[in-house]
Amino acid sequence: MKRIFFSLVICLSLLTVLSCNNEAENRDDKPLSESDVPPTVKTAFSAKYSTATDVEWEDSKEDSIQTYKAKFTIDGKKMKAEFDGTGKLVKEEADN
């Protein structure tokens, strides 16, 4: 009886770990070339961060909404900014 219970616990633990890993993989941002970023997003980014350098774009999601994440450097500080498809700023943060 103990062996059955122990085997069941092991199986459930493995199932939980595998499902968590799969969910994390689905949330990974995918790199985008600048030509794949909508003009409205690029315009909004340039207006807010006109001195940004080393800009890299990623296809992302925020609360199940398609977004575009820019990773960049401004005044020597690494930053991230996320915009929706209309160019509205969704999230901004310093990248440590």
Protein backbone atom coordinates (compact mmCIF):
# COMPACT_ATOMS: atom_id res chain seq x y z
CA MET A 1 0.00 0.00 0.00
CA LYS A 2 2.84 2.36 0.82
CA ARG A 3 4.48 1.64 -2.53
CA ILE A 4 1.30 2.43 -4.42
CA PHE A 5 0.83 5.68 -2.54
CA PHE A 6 4.49 6.66 -3.05
CA SER A 7 4.28 5.85 -6.78
CA LEU A 8 1.13 7.93 -7.12
CA VAL A 9 2.78 10.92 -5.39
CA ILE A 10 5.82 10.65 -7.69
CA CYS A 11 3.62 10.51 -10.81
CA LEU A 12 1.55 13.50 -9.76
CA SER A 13 4.70 15.48 -8.94
CA LEU A 14 6.21 14.73 -12.34
CA LEU A 15 2.99 15.67 -14.09
CA THR A 16 2.88 18.99 -12.24
CA VAL A 17 6.49 19.81 -13.07
CA LEU A 18 6.03 18.97 -16.74
CA SER A 19 2.90 21.11 -17.04
CA CYS A 20 4.65 24.07 -15.42
CA ASN A 21 7.62 23.80 -17.79
CA ASN A 22 5.32 23.66 -20.80
CA GLU A 23 3.49 26.80 -19.65
CA ALA A 24 6.79 28.65 -19.23
CA GLU A 25 7.83 27.68 -22.75
CA ASN A 26 4.59 29.09 -24.15
CA ARG A 27 5.27 32.46 -22.53
CA ASP A 28 8.72 32.93 -24.02
CA ASP A 29 9.03 36.06 -26.10
CA LYS A 30 10.07 35.57 -29.70
CA PRO A 31 12.62 37.87 -31.37
CA LEU A 32 11.28 40.14 -34.12
CA SER A 33 13.04 42.12 -36.80
CA GLU A 34 12.26 45.83 -36.81
CA SER A 35 10.42 45.43 -40.11
CA ASP A 36 7.91 43.11 -38.37
CA VAL A 37 6.99 45.76 -35.77
CA PRO A 38 3.90 47.82 -36.73
CA PRO A 39 4.61 51.45 -37.70
CA THR A 40 2.31 52.74 -34.92
CA VAL A 41 4.44 50.92 -32.33
CA LYS A 42 7.74 52.15 -33.80
CA THR A 43 6.41 55.73 -33.90
CA ALA A 44 5.24 55.60 -30.27
CA PHE A 45 8.58 54.09 -29.20
CA SER A 46 10.61 56.75 -31.05
CA ALA A 47 8.49 59.55 -29.56
CA LYS A 48 8.99 58.31 -25.99
CA TYR A 49 12.58 57.06 -26.25
CA SER A 50 14.19 59.23 -28.94
CA THR A 51 17.74 58.66 -27.60
CA ALA A 52 17.45 54.87 -27.28
CA THR A 53 20.24 52.71 -28.71
CA ASP A 54 20.76 48.97 -29.23
CA VAL A 55 17.01 48.40 -29.70
CA GLU A 56 15.87 44.77 -29.96
CA TRP A 57 12.22 43.83 -30.53
CA GLU A 58 10.29 40.79 -29.28
CA ASP A 59 6.84 39.42 -29.95
CA SER A 60 5.17 39.15 -26.55
CA LYS A 61 1.86 38.90 -24.67
CA GLU A 62 0.56 40.86 -21.70
CA ASP A 63 -2.68 39.60 -20.14
CA SER A 64 -3.29 37.54 -23.32
CA ILE A 65 -3.02 40.66 -25.51
CA GLN A 66 -0.50 40.76 -28.38
CA THR A 67 2.29 43.20 -27.47
CA TYR A 68 5.67 44.27 -28.79
CA LYS A 69 8.53 44.43 -26.31
CA ALA A 70 11.56 46.65 -26.96
CA LYS A 71 14.81 46.03 -25.09
CA PHE A 72 17.14 48.98 -25.37
CA THR A 73 19.75 51.19 -23.74
CA ILE A 74 19.09 54.81 -22.80
CA ASP A 75 21.60 57.00 -20.99
CA GLY A 76 23.71 53.91 -20.26
CA LYS A 77 20.79 52.15 -18.56
CA LYS A 78 19.19 48.96 -19.94
CA MET A 79 15.42 49.23 -20.23
CA LYS A 80 12.36 47.32 -21.46
CA ALA A 81 9.15 48.82 -22.78
CA GLU A 82 6.08 46.96 -24.01
CA PHE A 83 3.51 48.42 -26.42
CA ASP A 84 0.19 47.10 -27.70
CA GLY A 85 -0.60 47.05 -31.42
CA THR A 86 -1.96 50.62 -31.35
CA GLY A 87 1.26 52.03 -29.88
CA LYS A 88 -0.05 52.43 -26.32
CA LEU A 89 2.63 51.86 -23.65
CA VAL A 90 1.62 48.79 -21.62
CA LYS A 91 4.63 48.33 -19.37
CA GLU A 92 8.03 49.91 -18.76
CA GLU A 93 10.85 48.72 -16.52
CA ALA A 94 14.57 49.00 -15.91
CA ASP A 95 16.45 45.82 -16.80
CA ASN A 96 18.92 44.87 -14.07
